[in-house]
């Protein structure tokens, strides 16, 4: 897609000042997980702290056909699996597009924001970057997208705001601060309750639900083992949910520092608990899902399709957000901080 209509709208609004207006303008696309988890107000506060004015806001629903064009420059370098997961993530719910103006600076606003946004890779980000500020846990769950250049801004704006009158409304807001055309609801608090965006919390919640399923109809000996494992999972879940949601790598490192796998113990207990064939099959599938979730928590490879199939067969059906978190972790796992970094 070219940026022709977007540039024409800019020229109609700003005339001879269009070059300066484009240079001082930027956009930021807050992804559906960013919106649902209530992080948009935090992003807006950060934008203001680095000299941007939020002059235009618009909720939108991305379509799968838009994702390849949005990621036009990246497509030749990434796998189709990653594109598929990103498409599911970006179309899972409402997104919010922000129009930003940095009127007093000489530097190009889009380039300036690109530098401050931070890498999609959590370990490569500066501490005060936008993605660090928002607590983005892995490469795909990076929460926010911004164009790389002013030309990309024009191209992406035409993709996301295709109507000519809305493009002109955007550029008028950038030019004069006129925000009368904004249609964003005042409530930016996200879903209630907000969905977790880290694999640590999603995995622990699913493990707790699997253990509850396994305990149904269990013998006294098997129920005792399940109860002990459940107590450990509940303690880990409580600690994870109390941790700083904007520092997911520290929470993950603390968890892994004391992590004691229970999968072998669970497998032995199930093997010793002989029941009906049908019940044994359901328990086998639940146990297989539990093993996959422990592998994920430990930073080991796991299979997303196998995991979700076993969860559903065991009667523990992950919701849309849980599937997205699991898929993002499958494609781009959360990195492990070293013990030295954790101690600092």
C-alpha atoms as a PDB file:
ATOM      1  CA  UNK A   1       0.000   0.000   0.000  1.00  0.00           C
ATOM      2  CA  UNK A   2       1.235   3.502  -0.838  1.00  0.00           C
ATOM      3  CA  UNK A   3       0.794   6.624   1.276  1.00  0.00           C
ATOM      4  CA  UNK A   4      -0.781   8.721  -1.470  1.00  0.00           C
ATOM      5  CA  UNK A   5      -4.160   9.641   0.042  1.00  0.00           C
ATOM      6  CA  UNK A   6      -2.677  10.141   3.503  1.00  0.00           C
ATOM      7  CA  UNK A   7      -0.120  12.586   2.082  1.00  0.00           C
ATOM      8  CA  UNK A   8      -2.794  14.411   0.106  1.00  0.00           C
ATOM      9  CA  UNK A   9      -4.897  14.821   3.248  1.00  0.00           C
ATOM     10  CA  UNK A  10      -1.837  16.189   5.077  1.00  0.00           C
ATOM     11  CA  UNK A  11      -1.182  18.691   2.278  1.00  0.00           C
ATOM     12  CA  UNK A  12      -4.814  19.831   2.192  1.00  0.00           C
ATOM     13  CA  UNK A  13      -4.782  20.513   5.935  1.00  0.00           C
ATOM     14  CA  UNK A  14      -1.294  21.973   6.425  1.00  0.00           C
ATOM     15  CA  UNK A  15      -0.415  23.372   2.995  1.00  0.00           C
ATOM     16  CA  UNK A  16       3.115  24.777   2.993  1.00  0.00           C
ATOM     17  CA  UNK A  17       3.586  23.596   6.577  1.00  0.00           C
ATOM     18  CA  UNK A  18       3.010  19.928   5.745  1.00  0.00           C
ATOM     19  CA  UNK A  19       6.680  18.940   5.923  1.00  0.00           C
ATOM     20  CA  UNK A  20       7.076  20.455   9.386  1.00  0.00           C
ATOM     21  CA  UNK A  21       3.791  18.964  10.596  1.00  0.00           C
ATOM     22  CA  UNK A  22       4.745  15.482   9.392  1.00  0.00           C
ATOM     23  CA  UNK A  23       8.161  15.756  11.037  1.00  0.00           C
ATOM     24  CA  UNK A  24       6.614  16.698  14.398  1.00  0.00           C
ATOM     25  CA  UNK A  25       3.913  13.974  14.302  1.00  0.00           C
ATOM     26  CA  UNK A  26       3.960  10.317  15.349  1.00  0.00           C
ATOM     27  CA  UNK A  27       1.480   7.509  15.876  1.00  0.00           C
ATOM     28  CA  UNK A  28       1.308   4.626  18.335  1.00  0.00           C
ATOM     29  CA  UNK A  29      -0.894   1.557  17.976  1.00  0.00           C
ATOM     30  CA  UNK A  30      -1.833   0.068  21.348  1.00  0.00           C
ATOM     31  CA  UNK A  31      -2.518  -3.622  20.721  1.00  0.00           C
ATOM     32  CA  UNK A  32      -5.592  -5.502  22.002  1.00  0.00           C
ATOM     33  CA  UNK A  33      -3.657  -7.000  24.977  1.00  0.00           C
ATOM     34  CA  UNK A  34      -2.448  -3.489  25.860  1.00  0.00           C
ATOM     35  CA  UNK A  35      -6.034  -2.189  25.767  1.00  0.00           C
ATOM     36  CA  UNK A  36      -7.640  -5.151  27.554  1.00  0.00           C
ATOM     37  CA  UNK A  37      -5.047  -5.151  30.352  1.00  0.00           C
ATOM     38  CA  UNK A  38      -5.694  -1.442  31.051  1.00  0.00           C
ATOM     39  CA  UNK A  39      -2.254  -0.197  29.999  1.00  0.00           C
ATOM     40  CA  UNK A  40      -3.318   2.593  27.603  1.00  0.00           C
ATOM     41  CA  UNK A  41      -3.499   5.287  30.365  1.00  0.00           C
ATOM     42  CA  UNK A  42       0.006   4.262  31.468  1.00  0.00           C
ATOM     43  CA  UNK A  43       1.223   4.614  27.880  1.00  0.00           C
ATOM     44  CA  UNK A  44      -0.365   8.071  27.586  1.00  0.00           C
ATOM     45  CA  UNK A  45       1.344   9.194  30.793  1.00  0.00           C
ATOM     46  CA  UNK A  46       4.678   8.008  29.396  1.00  0.00           C
ATOM     47  CA  UNK A  47       4.142   9.858  26.091  1.00  0.00           C
ATOM     48  CA  UNK A  48       3.514  13.088  27.947  1.00  0.00           C
ATOM     49  CA  UNK A  49       6.614  12.566  30.102  1.00  0.00           C
ATOM     50  CA  UNK A  50       8.858  12.508  27.008  1.00  0.00           C
ATOM     51  CA  UNK A  51       7.372  15.626  25.412  1.00  0.00           C
ATOM     52  CA  UNK A  52       4.478  14.357  23.297  1.00  0.00           C
ATOM     53  CA  UNK A  53       0.954  15.752  23.218  1.00  0.00           C
ATOM     54  CA  UNK A  54      -1.811  13.218  22.625  1.00  0.00           C
ATOM     55  CA  UNK A  55      -3.945  15.029  20.069  1.00  0.00           C
ATOM     56  CA  UNK A  56      -5.999  12.258  18.506  1.00  0.00           C
ATOM     57  CA  UNK A  57      -7.313   8.868  19.651  1.00  0.00           C
ATOM     58  CA  UNK A  58      -9.378   6.263  17.874  1.00  0.00           C
ATOM     59  CA  UNK A  59     -10.506   2.740  18.803  1.00  0.00           C
ATOM     60  CA  UNK A  60     -10.340   0.294  15.924  1.00  0.00           C
ATOM     61  CA  UNK A  61     -10.601  -3.403  15.132  1.00  0.00           C
ATOM     62  CA  UNK A  62      -7.741  -4.695  13.051  1.00  0.00           C
ATOM     63  CA  UNK A  63      -8.481  -7.240  10.330  1.00  0.00           C
ATOM     64  CA  UNK A  64      -6.203 -10.155   9.492  1.00  0.00           C
ATOM     65  CA  UNK A  65      -5.778  -8.813   5.952  1.00  0.00           C
ATOM     66  CA  UNK A  66      -4.178  -5.654   7.409  1.00  0.00           C
ATOM     67  CA  UNK A  67      -1.410  -7.409   9.339  1.00  0.00           C
ATOM     68  CA  UNK A  68       0.864  -8.269   6.379  1.00  0.00           C
ATOM     69  CA  UNK A  69       0.680  -4.653   5.217  1.00  0.00           C
ATOM     70  CA  UNK A  70       1.352  -3.353   8.726  1.00  0.00           C
ATOM     71  CA  UNK A  71       4.417  -5.614   8.957  1.00  0.00           C
ATOM     72  CA  UNK A  72       5.416  -5.034   5.326  1.00  0.00           C
ATOM     73  CA  UNK A  73       9.152  -4.641   5.957  1.00  0.00           C
ATOM     74  CA  UNK A  74       9.333  -7.569   8.425  1.00  0.00           C
ATOM     75  CA  UNK A  75       7.521 -10.240   6.416  1.00  0.00           C
ATOM     76  CA  UNK A  76      10.551 -11.481   4.426  1.00  0.00           C
ATOM     77  CA  UNK A  77      12.507 -12.087   7.649  1.00  0.00           C
ATOM     78  CA  UNK A  78      10.003 -13.907   9.916  1.00  0.00           C
ATOM     79  CA  UNK A  79       8.276 -17.276   9.875  1.00  0.00           C
ATOM     80  CA  UNK A  80       4.663 -17.800   8.840  1.00  0.00           C
ATOM     81  CA  UNK A  81       3.998 -19.257  12.298  1.00  0.00           C
ATOM     82  CA  UNK A  82       5.039 -15.972  13.868  1.00  0.00           C
ATOM     83  CA  UNK A  83       2.863 -14.009  11.437  1.00  0.00           C
ATOM     84  CA  UNK A  84      -0.120 -16.242  12.277  1.00  0.00           C
ATOM     85  CA  UNK A  85       0.304 -15.758  16.042  1.00  0.00           C
ATOM     86  CA  UNK A  86       0.795 -12.002  15.643  1.00  0.00           C
ATOM     87  CA  UNK A  87      -2.348 -11.835  13.500  1.00  0.00           C
ATOM     88  CA  UNK A  88      -4.362 -13.636  16.180  1.00  0.00           C
ATOM     89  CA  UNK A  89      -2.963 -11.326  18.864  1.00  0.00           C
ATOM     90  CA  UNK A  90      -3.630  -8.107  16.938  1.00  0.00           C
ATOM     91  CA  UNK A  91      -7.192  -9.055  15.966  1.00  0.00           C
ATOM     92  CA  UNK A  92      -8.310 -10.485  19.327  1.00  0.00           C
ATOM     93  CA  UNK A  93     -10.102  -7.326  20.468  1.00  0.00           C
ATOM     94  CA  UNK A  94     -10.189  -3.537  20.178  1.00  0.00           C
ATOM     95  CA  UNK A  95      -6.933  -1.678  19.597  1.00  0.00           C
ATOM     96  CA  UNK A  96      -6.354   2.051  20.096  1.00  0.00           C
ATOM     97  CA  UNK A  97      -4.517   4.279  17.637  1.00  0.00           C
ATOM     98  CA  UNK A  98      -2.980   7.435  19.131  1.00  0.00           C
ATOM     99  CA  UNK A  99      -1.944  10.559  17.223  1.00  0.00           C
ATOM    100  CA  UNK A 100       1.017  12.268  18.907  1.00  0.00           C
ATOM    101  CA  UNK A 101       2.595  15.671  18.357  1.00  0.00           C
ATOM    102  CA  UNK A 102       5.978  16.913  19.577  1.00  0.00           C
ATOM    103  CA  UNK A 103       5.727  20.542  18.520  1.00  0.00           C
ATOM    104  CA  UNK A 104       8.755  22.117  20.184  1.00  0.00           C
ATOM    105  CA  UNK A 105      11.528  19.761  19.035  1.00  0.00           C
ATOM    106  CA  UNK A 106      13.696  19.844  15.939  1.00  0.00           C
ATOM    107  CA  UNK A 107      14.218  16.062  15.707  1.00  0.00           C
ATOM    108  CA  UNK A 108      11.800  13.918  13.690  1.00  0.00           C
ATOM    109  CA  UNK A 109       9.068  12.807  16.102  1.00  0.00           C
ATOM    110  CA  UNK A 110       8.618   9.336  14.577  1.00  0.00           C
ATOM    111  CA  UNK A 111      12.346   8.595  14.774  1.00  0.00           C
ATOM    112  CA  UNK A 112      12.526   9.995  18.308  1.00  0.00           C
ATOM    113  CA  UNK A 113       9.669   7.751  19.450  1.00  0.00           C
ATOM    114  CA  UNK A 114      11.218   4.745  17.720  1.00  0.00           C
ATOM    115  CA  UNK A 115      14.419   5.260  19.716  1.00  0.00           C
ATOM    116  CA  UNK A 116      12.557   5.612  23.022  1.00  0.00           C
ATOM    117  CA  UNK A 117      10.020   2.826  22.444  1.00  0.00           C
ATOM    118  CA  UNK A 118      12.549   0.095  23.192  1.00  0.00           C
ATOM    119  CA  UNK A 119      13.267  -3.202  21.504  1.00  0.00           C
ATOM    120  CA  UNK A 120      10.622  -5.902  21.216  1.00  0.00           C
ATOM    121  CA  UNK A 121      13.197  -8.157  22.912  1.00  0.00           C
ATOM    122  CA  UNK A 122      12.878  -7.600  26.687  1.00  0.00           C
ATOM    123  CA  UNK A 123      16.581  -8.203  27.325  1.00  0.00           C
ATOM    124  CA  UNK A 124      17.588  -5.608  24.723  1.00  0.00           C
ATOM    125  CA  UNK A 125      15.449  -2.760  26.124  1.00  0.00           C
ATOM    126  CA  UNK A 126      16.596   0.266  28.036  1.00  0.00           C
ATOM    127  CA  UNK A 127      15.100   0.494  31.524  1.00  0.00           C
ATOM    128  CA  UNK A 128      13.033   3.622  30.849  1.00  0.00           C
ATOM    129  CA  UNK A 129      11.751   2.629  27.411  1.00  0.00           C
ATOM    130  CA  UNK A 130       8.030   2.557  26.659  1.00  0.00           C
ATOM    131  CA  UNK A 131       7.832  -1.223  26.354  1.00  0.00           C
ATOM    132  CA  UNK A 132       9.706  -1.658  29.644  1.00  0.00           C
ATOM    133  CA  UNK A 133       7.352   0.876  31.245  1.00  0.00           C
ATOM    134  CA  UNK A 134       4.356  -1.153  30.039  1.00  0.00           C
ATOM    135  CA  UNK A 135       5.808  -4.492  31.169  1.00  0.00           C
ATOM    136  CA  UNK A 136       5.860  -6.259  27.790  1.00  0.00           C
ATOM    137  CA  UNK A 137       6.907  -9.869  28.596  1.00  0.00           C
ATOM    138  CA  UNK A 138       8.163 -11.254  25.282  1.00  0.00           C
ATOM    139  CA  UNK A 139       8.881 -10.282  21.676  1.00  0.00           C
ATOM    140  CA  UNK A 140       5.381 -10.852  20.268  1.00  0.00           C
ATOM    141  CA  UNK A 141       3.559  -9.539  23.332  1.00  0.00           C
ATOM    142  CA  UNK A 142       5.317  -6.183  22.914  1.00  0.00           C
ATOM    143  CA  UNK A 143       2.022  -4.261  23.470  1.00  0.00           C
ATOM    144  CA  UNK A 144       2.676  -1.264  21.229  1.00  0.00           C
ATOM    145  CA  UNK A 145       3.645  -0.575  17.632  1.00  0.00           C
ATOM    146  CA  UNK A 146       5.030   2.615  16.113  1.00  0.00           C
ATOM    147  CA  UNK A 147       6.148   3.329  12.535  1.00  0.00           C
ATOM    148  CA  UNK A 148       9.872   3.349  11.756  1.00  0.00           C
ATOM    149  CA  UNK A 149       9.844   6.463   9.558  1.00  0.00           C
ATOM    150  CA  UNK A 150       7.552   9.321   8.567  1.00  0.00           C
ATOM    151  CA  UNK A 151       6.873   7.548   5.268  1.00  0.00           C
ATOM    152  CA  UNK A 152       5.801   4.486   7.216  1.00  0.00           C
ATOM    153  CA  UNK A 153       3.537   6.712   9.329  1.00  0.00           C
ATOM    154  CA  UNK A 154       1.767   7.951   6.185  1.00  0.00           C
ATOM    155  CA  UNK A 155       1.437   4.422   4.779  1.00  0.00           C
ATOM    156  CA  UNK A 156       0.188   2.878   8.041  1.00  0.00           C
ATOM    157  CA  UNK A 157      -2.195   5.751   8.690  1.00  0.00           C
ATOM    158  CA  UNK A 158      -3.842   5.183   5.312  1.00  0.00           C
ATOM    159  CA  UNK A 159      -4.124   1.464   6.127  1.00  0.00           C
ATOM    160  CA  UNK A 160      -5.650   2.013   9.577  1.00  0.00           C
ATOM    161  CA  UNK A 161      -7.728   5.127   8.811  1.00  0.00           C
ATOM    162  CA  UNK A 162      -8.840   4.593   5.193  1.00  0.00           C
ATOM    163  CA  UNK A 163     -11.611   7.220   4.996  1.00  0.00           C
ATOM    164  CA  UNK A 164     -10.547  10.566   3.556  1.00  0.00           C
ATOM    165  CA  UNK A 165     -12.608  12.618   6.017  1.00  0.00           C
ATOM    166  CA  UNK A 166     -11.033  10.773   8.965  1.00  0.00           C
ATOM    167  CA  UNK A 167      -7.530  11.275   7.564  1.00  0.00           C
ATOM    168  CA  UNK A 168      -8.213  15.014   7.356  1.00  0.00           C
ATOM    169  CA  UNK A 169      -9.638  14.944  10.875  1.00  0.00           C
ATOM    170  CA  UNK A 170      -6.402  13.304  12.065  1.00  0.00           C
ATOM    171  CA  UNK A 171      -4.193  15.930  10.428  1.00  0.00           C
ATOM    172  CA  UNK A 172      -6.357  18.804  11.683  1.00  0.00           C
ATOM    173  CA  UNK A 173      -5.929  17.481  15.223  1.00  0.00           C
ATOM    174  CA  UNK A 174      -2.170  17.247  14.668  1.00  0.00           C
ATOM    175  CA  UNK A 175      -2.063  20.739  13.128  1.00  0.00           C
ATOM    176  CA  UNK A 176      -4.344  22.781  15.368  1.00  0.00           C
ATOM    177  CA  UNK A 177      -5.049  20.580  18.378  1.00  0.00           C
ATOM    178  CA  UNK A 178      -8.714  20.377  17.340  1.00  0.00           C
ATOM    179  CA  UNK A 179      -9.897  17.134  18.971  1.00  0.00           C
ATOM    180  CA  UNK A 180     -13.619  17.482  18.307  1.00  0.00           C
ATOM    181  CA  UNK A 181     -13.559  14.505  15.942  1.00  0.00           C
ATOM    182  CA  UNK A 182     -12.172  12.077  18.494  1.00  0.00           C
ATOM    183  CA  UNK A 183     -14.484   9.156  19.109  1.00  0.00           C
ATOM    184  CA  UNK A 184     -12.635   7.265  21.825  1.00  0.00           C
ATOM    185  CA  UNK A 185     -14.751   6.301  24.857  1.00  0.00           C
ATOM    186  CA  UNK A 186     -13.603   7.934  28.072  1.00  0.00           C
ATOM    187  CA  UNK A 187     -13.158   4.585  29.810  1.00  0.00           C
ATOM    188  CA  UNK A 188      -9.646   3.267  29.084  1.00  0.00           C
ATOM    189  CA  UNK A 189      -9.510   1.018  32.119  1.00  0.00           C
ATOM    190  CA  UNK A 190      -9.550  -2.189  30.078  1.00  0.00           C
ATOM    191  CA  UNK A 191     -11.388  -5.422  30.776  1.00  0.00           C
ATOM    192  CA  UNK A 192     -12.711  -6.218  34.250  1.00  0.00           C
ATOM    193  CA  UNK A 193     -10.927  -8.240  35.409  1.00  0.00           C
ATOM    194  CA  UNK A 194      -7.938  -7.479  33.182  1.00  0.00           C
ATOM    195  CA  UNK A 195      -6.490 -10.547  31.449  1.00  0.00           C
ATOM    196  CA  UNK A 196      -2.963 -11.563  32.443  1.00  0.00           C
ATOM    197  CA  UNK A 197      -0.438 -11.072  29.644  1.00  0.00           C
ATOM    198  CA  UNK A 198       2.377 -13.212  31.070  1.00  0.00           C
ATOM    199  CA  UNK A 199       2.811 -16.930  30.482  1.00  0.00           C
ATOM    200  CA  UNK A 200       3.826 -17.364  34.130  1.00  0.00           C
ATOM    201  CA  UNK A 201       0.396 -16.392  35.488  1.00  0.00           C
ATOM    202  CA  UNK A 202      -1.574 -18.013  32.660  1.00  0.00           C
ATOM    203  CA  UNK A 203       0.368 -21.252  33.076  1.00  0.00           C
ATOM    204  CA  UNK A 204      -0.079 -21.371  36.848  1.00  0.00           C
ATOM    205  CA  UNK A 205      -3.828 -20.713  36.568  1.00  0.00           C
ATOM    206  CA  UNK A 206      -4.223 -23.499  34.031  1.00  0.00           C
ATOM    207  CA  UNK A 207      -2.162 -25.885  36.156  1.00  0.00           C
ATOM    208  CA  UNK A 208      -4.402 -25.162  39.146  1.00  0.00           C
ATOM    209  CA  UNK A 209      -7.482 -25.930  37.048  1.00  0.00           C
ATOM    210  CA  UNK A 210      -5.928 -29.165  35.746  1.00  0.00           C
ATOM    211  CA  UNK A 211      -5.119 -30.327  39.259  1.00  0.00           C
ATOM    212  CA  UNK A 212      -8.723 -29.676  40.332  1.00  0.00           C
ATOM    213  CA  UNK A 213      -9.869 -31.856  37.420  1.00  0.00           C
ATOM    214  CA  UNK A 214      -7.423 -34.592  38.352  1.00  0.00           C
ATOM    215  CA  UNK A 215      -8.680 -34.640  41.928  1.00  0.00           C
ATOM    216  CA  UNK A 216     -12.251 -35.493  40.841  1.00  0.00           C
ATOM    217  CA  UNK A 217     -13.002 -39.104  41.728  1.00  0.00           C
ATOM    218  CA  UNK A 218      -9.443 -39.780  42.857  1.00  0.00           C
ATOM    219  CA  UNK A 219      -8.468 -42.346  45.435  1.00  0.00           C
ATOM    220  CA  UNK A 220      -7.410 -41.096  48.860  1.00  0.00           C
ATOM    221  CA  UNK A 221      -3.717 -41.674  48.110  1.00  0.00           C
ATOM    222  CA  UNK A 222      -3.881 -39.915  44.741  1.00  0.00           C
ATOM    223  CA  UNK A 223      -5.952 -37.045  46.163  1.00  0.00           C
ATOM    224  CA  UNK A 224      -3.311 -36.520  48.846  1.00  0.00           C
ATOM    225  CA  UNK A 225      -0.553 -36.138  46.218  1.00  0.00           C
ATOM    226  CA  UNK A 226      -2.733 -33.799  44.132  1.00  0.00           C
ATOM    227  CA  UNK A 227      -3.473 -31.717  47.225  1.00  0.00           C
ATOM    228  CA  UNK A 228       0.217 -31.284  48.009  1.00  0.00           C
ATOM    229  CA  UNK A 229       1.043 -30.296  44.431  1.00  0.00           C
ATOM    230  CA  UNK A 230      -1.960 -27.941  44.356  1.00  0.00           C
ATOM    231  CA  UNK A 231      -0.785 -26.186  47.511  1.00  0.00           C
ATOM    232  CA  UNK A 232       2.606 -25.489  45.905  1.00  0.00           C
ATOM    233  CA  UNK A 233       0.977 -24.225  42.678  1.00  0.00           C
ATOM    234  CA  UNK A 234      -1.415 -21.994  44.655  1.00  0.00           C
ATOM    235  CA  UNK A 235       1.507 -20.455  46.572  1.00  0.00           C
ATOM    236  CA  UNK A 236       3.390 -19.782  43.339  1.00  0.00           C
ATOM    237  CA  UNK A 237       0.283 -18.293  41.725  1.00  0.00           C
ATOM    238  CA  UNK A 238      -0.364 -16.008  44.681  1.00  0.00           C
ATOM    239  CA  UNK A 239       3.248 -14.761  44.572  1.00  0.00           C
ATOM    240  CA  UNK A 240       3.082 -14.230  40.794  1.00  0.00           C
ATOM    241  CA  UNK A 241      -0.174 -12.272  41.014  1.00  0.00           C
ATOM    242  CA  UNK A 242       1.279 -10.069  43.775  1.00  0.00           C
ATOM    243  CA  UNK A 243       4.407  -9.275  41.740  1.00  0.00           C
ATOM    244  CA  UNK A 244       4.918  -6.017  39.846  1.00  0.00           C
ATOM    245  CA  UNK A 245       2.906  -6.421  36.604  1.00  0.00           C
ATOM    246  CA  UNK A 246       5.272  -4.024  34.866  1.00  0.00           C
ATOM    247  CA  UNK A 247       8.387  -6.075  35.644  1.00  0.00           C
ATOM    248  CA  UNK A 248       7.495  -9.555  34.376  1.00  0.00           C
ATOM    249  CA  UNK A 249      11.089 -10.750  33.925  1.00  0.00           C
ATOM    250  CA  UNK A 250      11.905 -10.293  37.609  1.00  0.00           C
ATOM    251  CA  UNK A 251       8.775 -12.220  38.612  1.00  0.00           C
ATOM    252  CA  UNK A 252       9.708 -15.013  36.202  1.00  0.00           C
ATOM    253  CA  UNK A 253      13.310 -15.152  37.456  1.00  0.00           C
ATOM    254  CA  UNK A 254      12.164 -15.365  41.076  1.00  0.00           C
ATOM    255  CA  UNK A 255       9.779 -18.159  40.213  1.00  0.00           C
ATOM    256  CA  UNK A 256      12.414 -20.150  38.320  1.00  0.00           C
ATOM    257  CA  UNK A 257      14.969 -19.675  41.098  1.00  0.00           C
ATOM    258  CA  UNK A 258      12.847 -21.814  43.451  1.00  0.00           C
ATOM    259  CA  UNK A 259      10.945 -23.905  40.890  1.00  0.00           C
ATOM    260  CA  UNK A 260      10.624 -27.592  41.792  1.00  0.00           C
ATOM    261  CA  UNK A 261       9.047 -29.633  38.976  1.00  0.00           C
ATOM    262  CA  UNK A 262       6.180 -31.897  40.050  1.00  0.00           C
ATOM    263  CA  UNK A 263       5.573 -33.693  36.768  1.00  0.00           C
ATOM    264  CA  UNK A 264       7.478 -36.906  37.609  1.00  0.00           C
ATOM    265  CA  UNK A 265       5.700 -37.150  40.931  1.00  0.00           C
ATOM    266  CA  UNK A 266       2.367 -36.597  39.201  1.00  0.00           C
ATOM    267  CA  UNK A 267       3.089 -39.266  36.578  1.00  0.00           C
ATOM    268  CA  UNK A 268       4.019 -41.804  39.244  1.00  0.00           C
ATOM    269  CA  UNK A 269       0.864 -41.057  41.236  1.00  0.00           C
ATOM    270  CA  UNK A 270      -1.373 -41.456  38.182  1.00  0.00           C
ATOM    271  CA  UNK A 271       0.320 -44.745  37.219  1.00  0.00           C
ATOM    272  CA  UNK A 272      -0.385 -46.113  40.699  1.00  0.00           C
ATOM    273  CA  UNK A 273      -4.023 -44.984  40.749  1.00  0.00           C
ATOM    274  CA  UNK A 274      -5.862 -47.560  38.627  1.00  0.00           C
ATOM    275  CA  UNK A 275      -9.451 -46.578  37.810  1.00  0.00           C
ATOM    276  CA  UNK A 276     -11.781 -47.028  34.823  1.00  0.00           C
ATOM    277  CA  UNK A 277     -10.208 -46.823  31.356  1.00  0.00           C
ATOM    278  CA  UNK A 278     -12.217 -43.723  30.476  1.00  0.00           C
ATOM    279  CA  UNK A 279     -11.165 -41.872  33.602  1.00  0.00           C
ATOM    280  CA  UNK A 280      -7.551 -42.962  33.126  1.00  0.00           C
ATOM    281  CA  UNK A 281      -7.563 -41.501  29.591  1.00  0.00           C
ATOM    282  CA  UNK A 282      -8.864 -38.130  30.792  1.00  0.00           C
ATOM    283  CA  UNK A 283      -6.262 -38.087  33.541  1.00  0.00           C
ATOM    284  CA  UNK A 284      -3.535 -39.025  31.081  1.00  0.00           C
ATOM    285  CA  UNK A 285      -4.467 -36.053  28.876  1.00  0.00           C
ATOM    286  CA  UNK A 286      -4.657 -33.713  31.869  1.00  0.00           C
ATOM    287  CA  UNK A 287      -1.284 -34.939  33.083  1.00  0.00           C
ATOM    288  CA  UNK A 288       0.191 -34.424  29.604  1.00  0.00           C
ATOM    289  CA  UNK A 289      -1.062 -30.838  29.590  1.00  0.00           C
ATOM    290  CA  UNK A 290       0.374 -30.285  33.067  1.00  0.00           C
ATOM    291  CA  UNK A 291       3.786 -31.555  31.905  1.00  0.00           C
ATOM    292  CA  UNK A 292       3.688 -29.152  28.925  1.00  0.00           C
ATOM    293  CA  UNK A 293       2.828 -26.211  31.194  1.00  0.00           C
ATOM    294  CA  UNK A 294       5.681 -27.047  33.567  1.00  0.00           C
ATOM    295  CA  UNK A 295       8.042 -27.227  30.586  1.00  0.00           C
ATOM    296  CA  UNK A 296       6.909 -23.748  29.515  1.00  0.00           C
ATOM    297  CA  UNK A 297       7.383 -22.370  33.023  1.00  0.00           C
ATOM    298  CA  UNK A 298      10.909 -23.768  33.160  1.00  0.00           C
ATOM    299  CA  UNK A 299      11.835 -22.151  29.829  1.00  0.00           C
ATOM    300  CA  UNK A 300      11.855 -25.488  27.992  1.00  0.00           C
ATOM    301  CA  UNK A 301      10.302 -26.097  24.547  1.00  0.00           C
ATOM    302  CA  UNK A 302       6.626 -27.015  24.466  1.00  0.00           C
ATOM    303  CA  UNK A 303       4.053 -27.604  21.759  1.00  0.00           C
ATOM    304  CA  UNK A 304       1.217 -25.093  21.587  1.00  0.00           C
ATOM    305  CA  UNK A 305      -1.135 -27.237  19.517  1.00  0.00           C
ATOM    306  CA  UNK A 306      -0.500 -30.333  21.636  1.00  0.00           C
ATOM    307  CA  UNK A 307      -0.936 -28.353  24.852  1.00  0.00           C
ATOM    308  CA  UNK A 308      -4.226 -26.696  23.889  1.00  0.00           C
ATOM    309  CA  UNK A 309      -5.636 -29.959  22.489  1.00  0.00           C
ATOM    310  CA  UNK A 310      -4.848 -31.768  25.746  1.00  0.00           C
ATOM    311  CA  UNK A 311      -6.293 -28.947  27.834  1.00  0.00           C
ATOM    312  CA  UNK A 312      -9.579 -29.063  25.941  1.00  0.00           C
ATOM    313  CA  UNK A 313      -9.747 -32.871  26.073  1.00  0.00           C
ATOM    314  CA  UNK A 314      -9.176 -32.710  29.818  1.00  0.00           C
ATOM    315  CA  UNK A 315     -12.076 -30.247  30.195  1.00  0.00           C
ATOM    316  CA  UNK A 316      -9.894 -27.202  30.882  1.00  0.00           C
ATOM    317  CA  UNK A 317     -10.679 -24.901  27.962  1.00  0.00           C
ATOM    318  CA  UNK A 318      -8.373 -21.864  27.706  1.00  0.00           C
ATOM    319  CA  UNK A 319     -10.038 -18.602  26.786  1.00  0.00           C
ATOM    320  CA  UNK A 320      -8.959 -16.349  23.911  1.00  0.00           C
ATOM    321  CA  UNK A 321      -6.452 -14.324  25.924  1.00  0.00           C
ATOM    322  CA  UNK A 322      -4.930 -17.423  27.497  1.00  0.00           C
ATOM    323  CA  UNK A 323      -4.461 -18.976  24.048  1.00  0.00           C
ATOM    324  CA  UNK A 324      -2.810 -15.795  22.779  1.00  0.00           C
ATOM    325  CA  UNK A 325      -0.417 -15.652  25.726  1.00  0.00           C
ATOM    326  CA  UNK A 326       0.490 -19.330  25.310  1.00  0.00           C
ATOM    327  CA  UNK A 327       0.995 -18.912  21.557  1.00  0.00           C
ATOM    328  CA  UNK A 328       3.200 -15.831  21.982  1.00  0.00           C
ATOM    329  CA  UNK A 329       5.310 -17.719  24.529  1.00  0.00           C
ATOM    330  CA  UNK A 330       5.558 -20.708  22.182  1.00  0.00           C
ATOM    331  CA  UNK A 331       6.871 -18.571  19.303  1.00  0.00           C
ATOM    332  CA  UNK A 332       8.958 -16.045  21.285  1.00  0.00           C
ATOM    333  CA  UNK A 333       9.678 -17.328  24.819  1.00  0.00           C
ATOM    334  CA  UNK A 334      10.179 -14.917  27.707  1.00  0.00           C
ATOM    335  CA  UNK A 335      13.915 -14.612  28.400  1.00  0.00           C
ATOM    336  CA  UNK A 336      15.551 -15.632  31.664  1.00  0.00           C
ATOM    337  CA  UNK A 337      17.344 -12.993  33.701  1.00  0.00           C
ATOM    338  CA  UNK A 338      20.548 -14.133  35.330  1.00  0.00           C
ATOM    339  CA  UNK A 339      20.847 -14.564  39.072  1.00  0.00           C
ATOM    340  CA  UNK A 340      23.225 -11.606  39.162  1.00  0.00           C
ATOM    341  CA  UNK A 341      20.648  -9.320  37.511  1.00  0.00           C
ATOM    342  CA  UNK A 342      17.960 -10.511  39.933  1.00  0.00           C
ATOM    343  CA  UNK A 343      20.169  -9.699  42.928  1.00  0.00           C
ATOM    344  CA  UNK A 344      20.850  -6.123  41.776  1.00  0.00           C
END
